Amino acid sequence: MKHLFVSPERMLLQRYRHDRVFRSAGWLLVGVTFLQLVFSVLGFLVWSHFQEQIGIQSRNRSRAADLHNQDASLRDLHHKLGQIRQWEPILRNRIPTSAILSGIEKGIPAEIVLDSVIIQTGNYEPIPAGSGTYRVPQEYTVVLQGIAQPGNDGAIDRFKDRLAKTFPPGSELAPATPFERRADGSLPFQLQYSVKANGNYRSLDLTKIADPDSL
């Protein structure tokens, strides 16, 4: 009756030592438990990686939506910049009439009375602009008519000198037709200039347009 006092643990140990089937079953149980642990760890790692990929894809979609919204807001700006680049060759050499008039006004001596100013354009170059073409003048003709007050004939030469410094380099003065002196001693005159559109307008206080690549 001694076996009645043997503990269950001791009985399992004795059976494990002498029973091959029991021992194999034990090892099999341990192996299955180990494999379950390994698969559980691998499953957790795979699940964590999957959740991380979902988070990355969600952030990427959100970033793509933000970039799309930003691009939509900049489309109008891109369109305007494209129009500026189209107009660059038109604006580069064009001389504003207001700049010519301002230069003439600054150069008039006090002894000169200017009666008329005529500005004409010619020698046009067609340049594509938008859906059509723009005719850009390559030459400006400036005709000035006025009177030098009595005793101040030299004022006409001073006026010529000032205009030569004001108009762009390369401007040419046509030969002047002499006028008869009036009864009051005043001397009428006419000056005709050919002004070339060469893009050098610093003398007119105009700054050259920037290169299109820097816009």
N, C-alpha and C. Protein backbone atom coordinates (compact mmCIF):
# COMPACT_ATOMS: atom_id res chain seq x y z
N MET A 1 0.81 -1.20 0.00
CA MET A 1 0.00 0.00 0.00
C MET A 1 0.86 1.27 0.00
N LYS A 2 2.18 1.10 -0.21
CA LYS A 2 3.05 2.26 -0.18
C LYS A 2 2.77 3.21 -1.33
N HIS A 3 2.29 2.64 -2.46
CA HIS A 3 2.05 3.50 -3.60
C HIS A 3 0.95 4.52 -3.36
N LEU A 4 0.11 4.27 -2.30
CA LEU A 4 -0.94 5.24 -2.02
C LEU A 4 -0.37 6.56 -1.53
N PHE A 5 0.87 6.51 -1.07
CA PHE A 5 1.48 7.72 -0.54
C PHE A 5 2.47 8.37 -1.51
N VAL A 6 2.50 7.90 -2.74
CA VAL A 6 3.38 8.48 -3.76
C VAL A 6 2.67 9.69 -4.39
N SER A 7 3.40 10.77 -4.51
CA SER A 7 2.80 12.01 -5.08
C SER A 7 2.59 11.86 -6.57
N PRO A 8 1.61 12.59 -7.12
CA PRO A 8 1.36 12.52 -8.58
C PRO A 8 2.58 12.96 -9.38
N GLU A 9 3.37 13.91 -8.86
CA GLU A 9 4.55 14.36 -9.58
C GLU A 9 5.56 13.24 -9.71
N ARG A 10 5.73 12.46 -8.60
CA ARG A 10 6.70 11.37 -8.63
C ARG A 10 6.24 10.27 -9.58
N MET A 11 4.93 10.03 -9.62
CA MET A 11 4.40 9.02 -10.52
C MET A 11 4.62 9.45 -11.97
N LEU A 12 4.44 10.72 -12.30
CA LEU A 12 4.67 11.20 -13.67
C LEU A 12 6.14 11.08 -14.03
N LEU A 13 7.03 11.34 -13.02
CA LEU A 13 8.45 11.26 -13.29
C LEU A 13 8.85 9.82 -13.56
N GLN A 14 8.32 8.88 -12.75
CA GLN A 14 8.64 7.47 -12.98
C GLN A 14 8.13 7.00 -14.32
N ARG A 15 6.95 7.42 -14.67
CA ARG A 15 6.40 6.99 -15.96
C ARG A 15 7.18 7.58 -17.12
N TYR A 16 7.66 8.84 -16.94
CA TYR A 16 8.44 9.49 -17.99
C TYR A 16 9.76 8.74 -18.22
N ARG A 17 10.32 8.20 -17.11
CA ARG A 17 11.59 7.51 -17.23
C ARG A 17 11.46 6.16 -17.92
N HIS A 18 10.34 5.49 -17.70
CA HIS A 18 10.23 4.10 -18.17
C HIS A 18 9.26 3.91 -19.32
N ASP A 19 8.45 4.91 -19.64
CA ASP A 19 7.43 4.76 -20.71
C ASP A 19 7.83 5.63 -21.90
N ARG A 20 8.23 4.95 -23.00
CA ARG A 20 8.65 5.70 -24.19
C ARG A 20 7.52 6.50 -24.80
N VAL A 21 6.35 5.92 -24.84
CA VAL A 21 5.19 6.62 -25.44
C VAL A 21 4.88 7.88 -24.67
N PHE A 22 4.91 7.73 -23.33
CA PHE A 22 4.63 8.89 -22.49
C PHE A 22 5.69 9.98 -22.69
N ARG A 23 6.98 9.52 -22.79
CA ARG A 23 8.06 10.47 -22.99
C ARG A 23 7.92 11.18 -24.35
N SER A 24 7.57 10.43 -25.39
CA SER A 24 7.40 11.04 -26.72
C SER A 24 6.25 12.03 -26.72
N ALA A 25 5.17 11.63 -26.00
CA ALA A 25 4.03 12.54 -25.93
C ALA A 25 4.40 13.83 -25.22
N GLY A 26 5.26 13.71 -24.19
CA GLY A 26 5.70 14.89 -23.48
C GLY A 26 6.51 15.83 -24.36
N TRP A 27 7.48 15.22 -25.09
CA TRP A 27 8.28 16.05 -25.99
C TRP A 27 7.42 16.70 -27.08
N LEU A 28 6.44 15.93 -27.54
CA LEU A 28 5.55 16.48 -28.56
C LEU A 28 4.76 17.66 -28.01
N LEU A 29 4.30 17.51 -26.77
CA LEU A 29 3.56 18.61 -26.14
C LEU A 29 4.44 19.84 -25.97
N VAL A 30 5.70 19.63 -25.55
CA VAL A 30 6.63 20.75 -25.39
C VAL A 30 6.90 21.42 -26.73
N GLY A 31 7.08 20.57 -27.79
CA GLY A 31 7.35 21.14 -29.13
C GLY A 31 6.18 21.95 -29.64
N VAL A 32 4.96 21.41 -29.44
CA VAL A 32 3.77 22.15 -29.89
C VAL A 32 3.65 23.47 -29.14
N THR A 33 3.92 23.43 -27.85
CA THR A 33 3.84 24.66 -27.05
C THR A 33 4.87 25.69 -27.53
N PHE A 34 6.11 25.20 -27.85
CA PHE A 34 7.15 26.10 -28.34
C PHE A 34 6.76 26.70 -29.69
N LEU A 35 6.23 25.82 -30.58
CA LEU A 35 5.81 26.32 -31.89
C LEU A 35 4.69 27.35 -31.76
N GLN A 36 3.75 27.10 -30.84
CA GLN A 36 2.69 28.08 -30.62
C GLN A 36 3.25 29.42 -30.17
N LEU A 37 4.28 29.33 -29.30
CA LEU A 37 4.91 30.57 -28.83
C LEU A 37 5.60 31.30 -29.98
N VAL A 38 6.32 30.52 -30.83
CA VAL A 38 7.02 31.13 -31.96
C VAL A 38 6.02 31.77 -32.93
N PHE A 39 4.96 31.01 -33.27
CA PHE A 39 3.96 31.55 -34.20
C PHE A 39 3.24 32.76 -33.61
N SER A 40 3.06 32.76 -32.30
CA SER A 40 2.42 33.92 -31.66
C SER A 40 3.29 35.16 -31.80
N VAL A 41 4.62 34.97 -31.56
CA VAL A 41 5.54 36.09 -31.69
C VAL A 41 5.59 36.58 -33.14
N LEU A 42 5.70 35.62 -34.09
CA LEU A 42 5.73 36.00 -35.50
C LEU A 42 4.43 36.68 -35.93
N GLY A 43 3.32 36.17 -35.43
CA GLY A 43 2.04 36.79 -35.75
C GLY A 43 1.94 38.21 -35.22
N PHE A 44 2.46 38.41 -34.01
CA PHE A 44 2.44 39.76 -33.45
C PHE A 44 3.32 40.71 -34.26
N LEU A 45 4.50 40.21 -34.67
CA LEU A 45 5.39 41.05 -35.47
C LEU A 45 4.77 41.39 -36.82
N VAL A 46 4.15 40.37 -37.46
CA VAL A 46 3.50 40.62 -38.75
C VAL A 46 2.36 41.60 -38.59
N TRP A 47 1.58 41.46 -37.54
CA TRP A 47 0.45 42.37 -37.30
C TRP A 47 0.95 43.80 -37.05
N SER A 48 2.05 43.93 -36.29
CA SER A 48 2.60 45.25 -36.02
C SER A 48 3.11 45.90 -37.31
N HIS A 49 3.80 45.08 -38.15
CA HIS A 49 4.29 45.61 -39.43
C HIS A 49 3.14 46.03 -40.32
N PHE A 50 2.07 45.23 -40.33
CA PHE A 50 0.90 45.55 -41.14
C PHE A 50 0.26 46.85 -40.68
N GLN A 51 0.14 47.03 -39.36
CA GLN A 51 -0.44 48.26 -38.84
C GLN A 51 0.45 49.46 -39.17
N GLU A 52 1.78 49.25 -39.12
CA GLU A 52 2.70 50.34 -39.45
C GLU A 52 2.56 50.73 -40.92
N GLN A 53 2.42 49.73 -41.81
CA GLN A 53 2.25 50.02 -43.24
C GLN A 53 0.94 50.76 -43.49
N ILE A 54 -0.10 50.38 -42.77
CA ILE A 54 -1.39 51.08 -42.91
C ILE A 54 -1.24 52.55 -42.50
N GLY A 55 -0.51 52.78 -41.40
CA GLY A 55 -0.29 54.15 -40.97
C GLY A 55 0.51 54.95 -41.98
N ILE A 56 1.55 54.32 -42.58
CA ILE A 56 2.36 55.00 -43.59
C ILE A 56 1.52 55.34 -44.81
N GLN A 57 0.71 54.37 -45.27
CA GLN A 57 -0.14 54.62 -46.43
C GLN A 57 -1.15 55.72 -46.15
N SER A 58 -1.68 55.76 -44.93
CA SER A 58 -2.63 56.81 -44.58
C SER A 58 -1.96 58.17 -44.60
N ARG A 59 -0.74 58.25 -44.06
CA ARG A 59 -0.02 59.53 -44.07
C ARG A 59 0.33 59.94 -45.49
N ASN A 60 0.70 58.94 -46.33
CA ASN A 60 1.03 59.26 -47.72
C ASN A 60 -0.19 59.78 -48.47
N ARG A 61 -1.36 59.17 -48.23
CA ARG A 61 -2.58 59.66 -48.88
C ARG A 61 -2.92 61.07 -48.42
N SER A 62 -2.73 61.33 -47.13
CA SER A 62 -3.00 62.67 -46.61
C SER A 62 -2.04 63.68 -47.21
N ARG A 63 -0.75 63.30 -47.32
CA ARG A 63 0.24 64.20 -47.91
C ARG A 63 -0.05 64.45 -49.38
N ALA A 64 -0.46 63.38 -50.10
CA ALA A 64 -0.80 63.54 -51.52
C ALA A 64 -1.99 64.47 -51.69
N ALA A 65 -2.98 64.38 -50.79
CA ALA A 65 -4.13 65.27 -50.88
C ALA A 65 -3.72 66.72 -50.61
N ASP A 66 -2.81 66.92 -49.65
CA ASP A 66 -2.33 68.29 -49.38
C ASP A 66 -1.57 68.85 -50.57
N LEU A 67 -0.72 68.02 -51.18
CA LEU A 67 0.04 68.49 -52.35
C LEU A 67 -0.89 68.81 -53.51
N HIS A 68 -1.94 68.01 -53.67
CA HIS A 68 -2.90 68.28 -54.75
C HIS A 68 -3.61 69.60 -54.51
N ASN A 69 -3.98 69.87 -53.25
CA ASN A 69 -4.65 71.14 -52.94
C ASN A 69 -3.71 72.32 -53.16
N GLN A 70 -2.42 72.15 -52.77
CA GLN A 70 -1.45 73.22 -52.99
C GLN A 70 -1.23 73.47 -54.47
N ASP A 71 -1.16 72.38 -55.24
CA ASP A 71 -0.96 72.54 -56.68
C ASP A 71 -2.15 73.25 -57.31
N ALA A 72 -3.35 72.92 -56.84
CA ALA A 72 -4.54 73.59 -57.38
C ALA A 72 -4.52 75.09 -57.09
N SER A 73 -4.02 75.45 -55.89
CA SER A 73 -3.98 76.87 -55.54
C SER A 73 -2.90 77.62 -56.31
N LEU A 74 -1.89 76.89 -56.82
CA LEU A 74 -0.79 77.53 -57.55
C LEU A 74 -0.99 77.51 -59.06
N ARG A 75 -2.03 76.84 -59.52
CA ARG A 75 -2.24 76.76 -60.97
C ARG A 75 -2.44 78.14 -61.58
N ASP A 76 -3.21 78.98 -60.89
CA ASP A 76 -3.44 80.32 -61.42
C ASP A 76 -2.13 81.11 -61.48
N LEU A 77 -1.28 80.95 -60.46
CA LEU A 77 0.01 81.63 -60.46
C LEU A 77 0.90 81.12 -61.59
N HIS A 78 0.89 79.79 -61.81
CA HIS A 78 1.67 79.23 -62.92
C HIS A 78 1.19 79.78 -64.25
N HIS A 79 -0.13 79.93 -64.38
CA HIS A 79 -0.68 80.46 -65.63
C HIS A 79 -0.22 81.91 -65.84
N LYS A 80 -0.24 82.71 -64.78
CA LYS A 80 0.17 84.11 -64.90
C LYS A 80 1.66 84.22 -65.22
N LEU A 81 2.48 83.35 -64.60
CA LEU A 81 3.90 83.37 -64.91
C LEU A 81 4.15 82.98 -66.36
N GLY A 82 3.36 82.03 -66.86
CA GLY A 82 3.49 81.67 -68.27
C GLY A 82 3.15 82.83 -69.18
N GLN A 83 2.13 83.61 -68.81
CA GLN A 83 1.78 84.78 -69.61
C GLN A 83 2.89 85.83 -69.56
N ILE A 84 3.51 86.00 -68.40
CA ILE A 84 4.61 86.96 -68.28
C ILE A 84 5.76 86.55 -69.19
N ARG A 85 6.07 85.25 -69.22
CA ARG A 85 7.15 84.79 -70.09
C ARG A 85 6.81 84.99 -71.56
N GLN A 86 5.52 84.90 -71.91
CA GLN A 86 5.13 85.15 -73.29
C GLN A 86 5.29 86.63 -73.64
N TRP A 87 5.03 87.51 -72.68
CA TRP A 87 5.10 88.95 -72.95
C TRP A 87 6.50 89.51 -72.78
N GLU A 88 7.44 88.71 -72.23
CA GLU A 88 8.79 89.21 -71.99
C GLU A 88 9.47 89.77 -73.23
N PRO A 89 9.46 89.05 -74.39
CA PRO A 89 10.11 89.64 -75.57
C PRO A 89 9.39 90.87 -76.09
N ILE A 90 8.11 91.03 -75.75
CA ILE A 90 7.36 92.21 -76.18
C ILE A 90 7.72 93.41 -75.31
N LEU A 91 7.83 93.17 -74.00
CA LEU A 91 8.10 94.27 -73.07
C LEU A 91 9.57 94.63 -73.00
N ARG A 92 10.45 93.69 -73.41
CA ARG A 92 11.88 93.91 -73.24
C ARG A 92 12.38 95.13 -74.01
N ASN A 93 11.96 95.28 -75.27
CA ASN A 93 12.48 96.37 -76.11
C ASN A 93 11.50 97.52 -76.30
N ARG A 94 10.27 97.34 -75.88
CA ARG A 94 9.26 98.38 -76.08
C ARG A 94 9.59 99.61 -75.23
N ILE A 95 9.48 100.79 -75.85
CA ILE A 95 9.73 102.05 -75.14
C ILE A 95 8.39 102.69 -74.76
N PRO A 96 8.10 102.87 -73.49
CA PRO A 96 6.86 103.56 -73.10
C PRO A 96 6.87 105.00 -73.58
N THR A 97 5.78 105.42 -74.19
CA THR A 97 5.68 106.81 -74.66
C THR A 97 5.83 107.80 -73.52
N SER A 98 5.34 107.41 -72.35
CA SER A 98 5.44 108.32 -71.21
C SER A 98 6.89 108.59 -70.84
N ALA A 99 7.79 107.60 -71.02
CA ALA A 99 9.21 107.81 -70.71
C ALA A 99 9.83 108.78 -71.69
N ILE A 100 9.45 108.68 -72.96
CA ILE A 100 9.97 109.61 -73.96
C ILE A 100 9.51 111.03 -73.65
N LEU A 101 8.23 111.19 -73.36
CA LEU A 101 7.70 112.52 -73.04
C LEU A 101 8.35 113.09 -71.79
N SER A 102 8.58 112.23 -70.79
CA SER A 102 9.22 112.71 -69.56
C SER A 102 10.65 113.18 -69.84
N GLY A 103 11.39 112.43 -70.68
CA GLY A 103 12.75 112.85 -71.03
C GLY A 103 12.77 114.16 -71.78
N ILE A 104 11.80 114.37 -72.69
CA ILE A 104 11.73 115.63 -73.43
C ILE A 104 11.41 116.79 -72.48
N GLU A 105 10.46 116.56 -71.58
CA GLU A 105 10.07 117.61 -70.65
C GLU A 105 11.23 118.05 -69.76
N LYS A 106 12.04 117.08 -69.32
CA LYS A 106 13.18 117.42 -68.45
C LYS A 106 14.27 118.17 -69.22
N GLY A 107 14.33 117.99 -70.54
CA GLY A 107 15.41 118.60 -71.30
C GLY A 107 15.09 119.94 -71.92
N ILE A 108 13.85 120.43 -71.81
CA ILE A 108 13.48 121.70 -72.45
C ILE A 108 14.11 122.87 -71.70
N PRO A 109 14.93 123.67 -72.36
CA PRO A 109 15.46 124.88 -71.72
C PRO A 109 14.35 125.90 -71.47
N ALA A 110 14.60 126.79 -70.57
CA ALA A 110 13.60 127.81 -70.25
C ALA A 110 13.35 128.75 -71.42
N GLU A 111 14.34 128.90 -72.33
CA GLU A 111 14.20 129.83 -73.45
C GLU A 111 13.49 129.20 -74.65
N ILE A 112 13.05 127.94 -74.50
CA ILE A 112 12.38 127.23 -75.59
C ILE A 112 10.90 127.10 -75.28
N VAL A 113 10.07 127.38 -76.28
CA VAL A 113 8.63 127.13 -76.19
C VAL A 113 8.31 126.00 -77.16
N LEU A 114 7.89 124.88 -76.63
CA LEU A 114 7.62 123.72 -77.47
C LEU A 114 6.14 123.73 -77.88
N ASP A 115 5.91 123.72 -79.19
CA ASP A 115 4.54 123.79 -79.70
C ASP A 115 3.89 122.41 -79.84
N SER A 116 4.64 121.42 -80.31
CA SER A 116 4.03 120.10 -80.55
C SER A 116 5.08 119.01 -80.42
N VAL A 117 4.60 117.83 -80.03
CA VAL A 117 5.42 116.62 -79.94
C VAL A 117 4.68 115.51 -80.67
N ILE A 118 5.32 114.93 -81.66
CA ILE A 118 4.72 113.85 -82.43
C ILE A 118 5.61 112.61 -82.27
N ILE A 119 5.00 111.50 -81.84
CA ILE A 119 5.72 110.24 -81.69
C ILE A 119 5.05 109.20 -82.57
N GLN A 120 5.79 108.65 -83.50
CA GLN A 120 5.29 107.63 -84.41
C GLN A 120 6.15 106.38 -84.30
N THR A 121 5.51 105.24 -84.52
CA THR A 121 6.23 103.96 -84.46
C THR A 121 6.27 103.34 -85.84
N GLY A 122 7.28 102.50 -86.07
CA GLY A 122 7.42 101.84 -87.36
C GLY A 122 8.33 100.64 -87.28
N ASN A 123 8.50 99.98 -88.44
CA ASN A 123 9.35 98.78 -88.54
C ASN A 123 8.91 97.74 -87.51
N TYR A 124 7.69 97.25 -87.64
CA TYR A 124 7.10 96.35 -86.65
C TYR A 124 7.61 94.91 -86.82
N GLU A 125 7.75 94.24 -85.69
CA GLU A 125 8.13 92.82 -85.67
C GLU A 125 6.99 92.04 -85.02
N PRO A 126 6.36 91.08 -85.73
CA PRO A 126 5.28 90.29 -85.13
C PRO A 126 5.84 89.26 -84.15
N ILE A 127 5.31 89.26 -82.95
CA ILE A 127 5.74 88.31 -81.92
C ILE A 127 4.51 87.59 -81.39
N PRO A 128 4.54 86.23 -81.33
CA PRO A 128 3.38 85.49 -80.80
C PRO A 128 3.09 85.88 -79.36
N ALA A 129 1.80 86.07 -79.07
CA ALA A 129 1.36 86.41 -77.71
C ALA A 129 -0.02 85.82 -77.50
N GLY A 130 -0.09 84.82 -76.60
CA GLY A 130 -1.37 84.19 -76.36
C GLY A 130 -1.87 83.44 -77.58
N SER A 131 -3.08 83.77 -77.99
CA SER A 131 -3.69 83.11 -79.15
C SER A 131 -3.44 83.86 -80.45
N GLY A 132 -2.70 84.99 -80.39
CA GLY A 132 -2.47 85.77 -81.60
C GLY A 132 -1.04 86.28 -81.66
N THR A 133 -0.85 87.41 -82.30
CA THR A 133 0.47 88.03 -82.41
C THR A 133 0.40 89.49 -82.00
N TYR A 134 1.52 90.02 -81.57
CA TYR A 134 1.63 91.41 -81.15
C TYR A 134 2.71 92.07 -82.00
N ARG A 135 2.37 93.21 -82.58
CA ARG A 135 3.31 93.93 -83.44
C ARG A 135 4.15 94.87 -82.58
N VAL A 136 5.42 94.53 -82.44
CA VAL A 136 6.32 95.30 -81.59
C VAL A 136 7.11 96.27 -82.46
N PRO A 137 7.03 97.58 -82.20
CA PRO A 137 7.79 98.55 -83.00
C PRO A 137 9.28 98.45 -82.71
N GLN A 138 10.08 98.51 -83.76
CA GLN A 138 11.53 98.48 -83.64
C GLN A 138 12.15 99.87 -83.76
N GLU A 139 11.33 100.85 -84.16
CA GLU A 139 11.85 102.20 -84.37
C GLU A 139 10.77 103.22 -84.00
N TYR A 140 11.20 104.29 -83.34
CA TYR A 140 10.31 105.38 -82.95
C TYR A 140 10.80 106.66 -83.61
N THR A 141 9.86 107.39 -84.19
CA THR A 141 10.18 108.69 -84.78
C THR A 141 9.58 109.78 -83.90
N VAL A 142 10.44 110.66 -83.40
CA VAL A 142 10.02 111.74 -82.50
C VAL A 142 10.25 113.07 -83.22
N VAL A 143 9.17 113.84 -83.42
CA VAL A 143 9.25 115.13 -84.10
C VAL A 143 8.86 116.22 -83.10
N LEU A 144 9.76 117.19 -82.91
CA LEU A 144 9.54 118.28 -81.97
C LEU A 144 9.52 119.60 -82.74
N GLN A 145 8.50 120.38 -82.51
CA GLN A 145 8.39 121.70 -83.13
C GLN A 145 8.23 122.74 -82.04
N GLY A 146 9.00 123.84 -82.16
CA GLY A 146 8.93 124.87 -81.14
C GLY A 146 9.57 126.16 -81.61
N ILE A 147 9.75 127.06 -80.65
CA ILE A 147 10.29 128.39 -80.94
C ILE A 147 11.31 128.75 -79.87
N ALA A 148 12.45 129.27 -80.33
CA ALA A 148 13.43 129.83 -79.40
C ALA A 148 13.16 131.32 -79.25
N GLN A 149 13.08 131.77 -78.01
CA GLN A 149 12.77 133.17 -77.75
C GLN A 149 13.86 134.08 -78.33
N PRO A 150 13.51 135.32 -78.62
CA PRO A 150 14.48 136.26 -79.23
C PRO A 150 15.78 136.35 -78.45
N GLY A 151 16.89 136.27 -79.18
CA GLY A 151 18.20 136.40 -78.56
C GLY A 151 18.68 135.14 -77.87
N ASN A 152 17.98 134.02 -78.06
CA ASN A 152 18.36 132.78 -77.39
C ASN A 152 18.47 131.63 -78.40
N ASP A 153 19.11 131.91 -79.53
CA ASP A 153 19.25 130.87 -80.55
C ASP A 153 20.08 129.69 -80.04
N GLY A 154 21.03 129.94 -79.13
CA GLY A 154 21.86 128.86 -78.57
C GLY A 154 21.08 127.86 -77.75
N ALA A 155 19.85 128.24 -77.33
CA ALA A 155 19.04 127.32 -76.54
C ALA A 155 18.67 126.08 -77.35
N ILE A 156 18.57 126.23 -78.68
CA ILE A 156 18.23 125.07 -79.52
C ILE A 156 19.36 124.04 -79.46
N ASP A 157 20.61 124.51 -79.52
CA ASP A 157 21.74 123.58 -79.42
C ASP A 157 21.80 122.92 -78.04
N ARG A 158 21.49 123.66 -77.00
CA ARG A 158 21.47 123.05 -75.66
C ARG A 158 20.37 122.01 -75.57
N PHE A 159 19.24 122.29 -76.21
CA PHE A 159 18.14 121.32 -76.23
C PHE A 159 18.57 120.05 -76.95
N LYS A 160 19.29 120.20 -78.06
CA LYS A 160 19.78 119.04 -78.80
C LYS A 160 20.74 118.21 -77.94
N ASP A 161 21.63 118.89 -77.23
CA ASP A 161 22.59 118.18 -76.40
C ASP A 161 21.89 117.38 -75.29
N ARG A 162 20.88 117.99 -74.69
CA ARG A 162 20.17 117.30 -73.62
C ARG A 162 19.40 116.09 -74.16
N LEU A 163 18.80 116.25 -75.34
CA LEU A 163 18.07 115.13 -75.93
C LEU A 163 19.02 114.01 -76.34
N ALA A 164 20.20 114.34 -76.80
CA ALA A 164 21.19 113.33 -77.17
C ALA A 164 21.58 112.48 -75.97
N LYS A 165 21.59 113.10 -74.77
CA LYS A 165 21.91 112.36 -73.55
C LYS A 165 20.70 111.61 -73.00
N THR A 166 19.50 112.09 -73.36
CA THR A 166 18.29 111.49 -72.82
C THR A 166 17.82 110.29 -73.64
N PHE A 167 17.83 110.42 -74.94
CA PHE A 167 17.36 109.33 -75.81
C PHE A 167 18.35 108.16 -75.76
N PRO A 168 17.88 106.93 -76.02
CA PRO A 168 18.75 105.75 -75.96
C PRO A 168 19.94 105.87 -76.91
N PRO A 169 21.05 105.23 -76.59
CA PRO A 169 22.22 105.25 -77.48
C PRO A 169 21.84 104.74 -78.88
N GLY A 170 22.39 105.37 -79.89
CA GLY A 170 22.07 105.00 -81.27
C GLY A 170 20.99 105.84 -81.89
N SER A 171 20.35 106.72 -81.10
CA SER A 171 19.32 107.60 -81.66
C SER A 171 19.97 108.59 -82.63
N GLU A 172 19.28 108.89 -83.72
CA GLU A 172 19.84 109.75 -84.76
C GLU A 172 18.95 110.97 -84.98
N LEU A 173 19.60 112.11 -85.17
CA LEU A 173 18.91 113.36 -85.46
C LEU A 173 18.96 113.61 -86.97
N ALA A 174 17.78 113.74 -87.56
CA ALA A 174 17.72 114.00 -89.00
C ALA A 174 18.15 115.44 -89.29
N PRO A 175 18.72 115.68 -90.48
CA PRO A 175 19.10 117.06 -90.84
C PRO A 175 17.90 118.00 -90.74
N ALA A 176 18.10 119.14 -90.08
CA ALA A 176 17.01 120.08 -89.84
C ALA A 176 16.87 121.08 -90.99
N THR A 177 15.65 121.37 -91.33
CA THR A 177 15.36 122.39 -92.34
C THR A 177 15.35 123.76 -91.67
N PRO A 178 16.18 124.71 -92.11
CA PRO A 178 16.22 126.03 -91.45
C PRO A 178 14.91 126.79 -91.65
N PHE A 179 14.50 127.49 -90.60
CA PHE A 179 13.29 128.31 -90.65
C PHE A 179 13.69 129.79 -90.61
N GLU A 180 12.86 130.63 -91.19
CA GLU A 180 13.11 132.06 -91.16
C GLU A 180 12.74 132.64 -89.79
N ARG A 181 13.51 133.59 -89.36
CA ARG A 181 13.24 134.24 -88.09
C ARG A 181 11.97 135.08 -88.21
N ARG A 182 11.20 135.07 -87.17
CA ARG A 182 9.96 135.83 -87.18
C ARG A 182 10.24 137.32 -86.93
N ALA A 183 9.22 138.09 -87.14
CA ALA A 183 9.35 139.54 -86.99
C ALA A 183 9.71 139.95 -85.57
N ASP A 184 9.27 139.17 -84.58
CA ASP A 184 9.56 139.51 -83.19
C ASP A 184 10.93 139.02 -82.76
N GLY A 185 11.69 138.40 -83.66
CA GLY A 185 13.03 137.94 -83.33
C GLY A 185 13.10 136.50 -82.88
N SER A 186 11.96 135.84 -82.67
CA SER A 186 11.98 134.42 -82.27
C SER A 186 12.34 133.54 -83.47
N LEU A 187 12.88 132.37 -83.18
CA LEU A 187 13.36 131.48 -84.24
C LEU A 187 12.63 130.13 -84.15
N PRO A 188 11.77 129.81 -85.12
CA PRO A 188 11.12 128.50 -85.13
C PRO A 188 12.14 127.39 -85.46
N PHE A 189 11.85 126.19 -84.98
CA PHE A 189 12.73 125.06 -85.29
C PHE A 189 11.92 123.76 -85.30
N GLN A 190 12.50 122.75 -85.91
CA GLN A 190 11.92 121.40 -85.91
C GLN A 190 13.05 120.39 -85.78
N LEU A 191 12.90 119.49 -84.83
CA LEU A 191 13.89 118.44 -84.59
C LEU A 191 13.22 117.08 -84.80
N GLN A 192 13.84 116.23 -85.60
CA GLN A 192 13.29 114.90 -85.86
C GLN A 192 14.34 113.85 -85.49
N TYR A 193 13.95 112.98 -84.56
CA TYR A 193 14.86 111.95 -84.08
C TYR A 193 14.35 110.56 -84.48
N SER A 194 15.28 109.68 -84.78
CA SER A 194 14.98 108.27 -85.00
C SER A 194 15.53 107.50 -83.81
N VAL A 195 14.63 106.94 -83.01
CA VAL A 195 15.01 106.25 -81.78
C VAL A 195 14.87 104.75 -82.00
N LYS A 196 15.95 104.00 -81.80
CA LYS A 196 15.95 102.56 -81.99
C LYS A 196 15.55 101.85 -80.69
N ALA A 197 14.73 100.82 -80.86
CA ALA A 197 14.34 100.00 -79.70
C ALA A 197 15.40 98.94 -79.47
N ASN A 198 16.42 99.28 -78.69
CA ASN A 198 17.54 98.37 -78.47
C ASN A 198 17.61 97.82 -77.05
N GLY A 199 16.66 98.18 -76.20
CA GLY A 199 16.62 97.66 -74.83
C GLY A 199 17.48 98.42 -73.85
N ASN A 200 18.29 99.37 -74.29
CA ASN A 200 19.15 100.16 -73.39
C ASN A 200 18.47 101.51 -73.13
N TYR A 201 17.68 101.56 -72.05
CA TYR A 201 16.89 102.76 -71.77
C TYR A 201 17.21 103.37 -70.42
N ARG A 202 18.43 103.17 -69.94
CA ARG A 202 18.80 103.74 -68.64
C ARG A 202 18.74 105.26 -68.66
N SER A 203 19.04 105.85 -69.80
CA SER A 203 18.98 107.31 -69.89
C SER A 203 17.55 107.82 -69.74
N LEU A 204 16.56 106.95 -69.98
CA LEU A 204 15.15 107.31 -69.79
C LEU A 204 14.65 106.88 -68.41
N ASP A 205 15.59 106.48 -67.53
CA ASP A 205 15.25 106.04 -66.17
C ASP A 205 14.40 104.78 -66.19
N LEU A 206 14.66 103.90 -67.18
CA LEU A 206 13.97 102.63 -67.26
C LEU A 206 14.96 101.51 -66.99
N THR A 207 14.54 100.51 -66.21
CA THR A 207 15.40 99.37 -65.90
C THR A 207 15.10 98.24 -66.85
N LYS A 208 16.17 97.60 -67.33
CA LYS A 208 16.01 96.48 -68.27
C LYS A 208 15.26 95.35 -67.61
N ILE A 209 14.33 94.75 -68.34
CA ILE A 209 13.54 93.66 -67.80
C ILE A 209 14.43 92.47 -67.50
N ALA A 210 14.08 91.73 -66.43
CA ALA A 210 14.90 90.59 -66.04
C ALA A 210 14.78 89.48 -67.06
N ASP A 211 15.77 88.56 -67.04
CA ASP A 211 15.72 87.41 -67.93
C ASP A 211 14.53 86.55 -67.58
N PRO A 212 13.89 85.86 -68.56
CA PRO A 212 12.69 85.07 -68.27
C PRO A 212 12.93 83.94 -67.29
N ASP A 213 14.18 83.39 -67.24
CA ASP A 213 14.44 82.29 -66.34
C ASP A 213 14.41 82.70 -64.88
N SER A 214 14.56 83.98 -64.60
CA SER A 214 14.56 84.45 -63.22
C SER A 214 13.20 84.90 -62.75
N LEU A 215 12.18 84.79 -63.60
CA LEU A 215 10.84 85.21 -63.21
C LEU A 215 10.22 84.18 -62.29
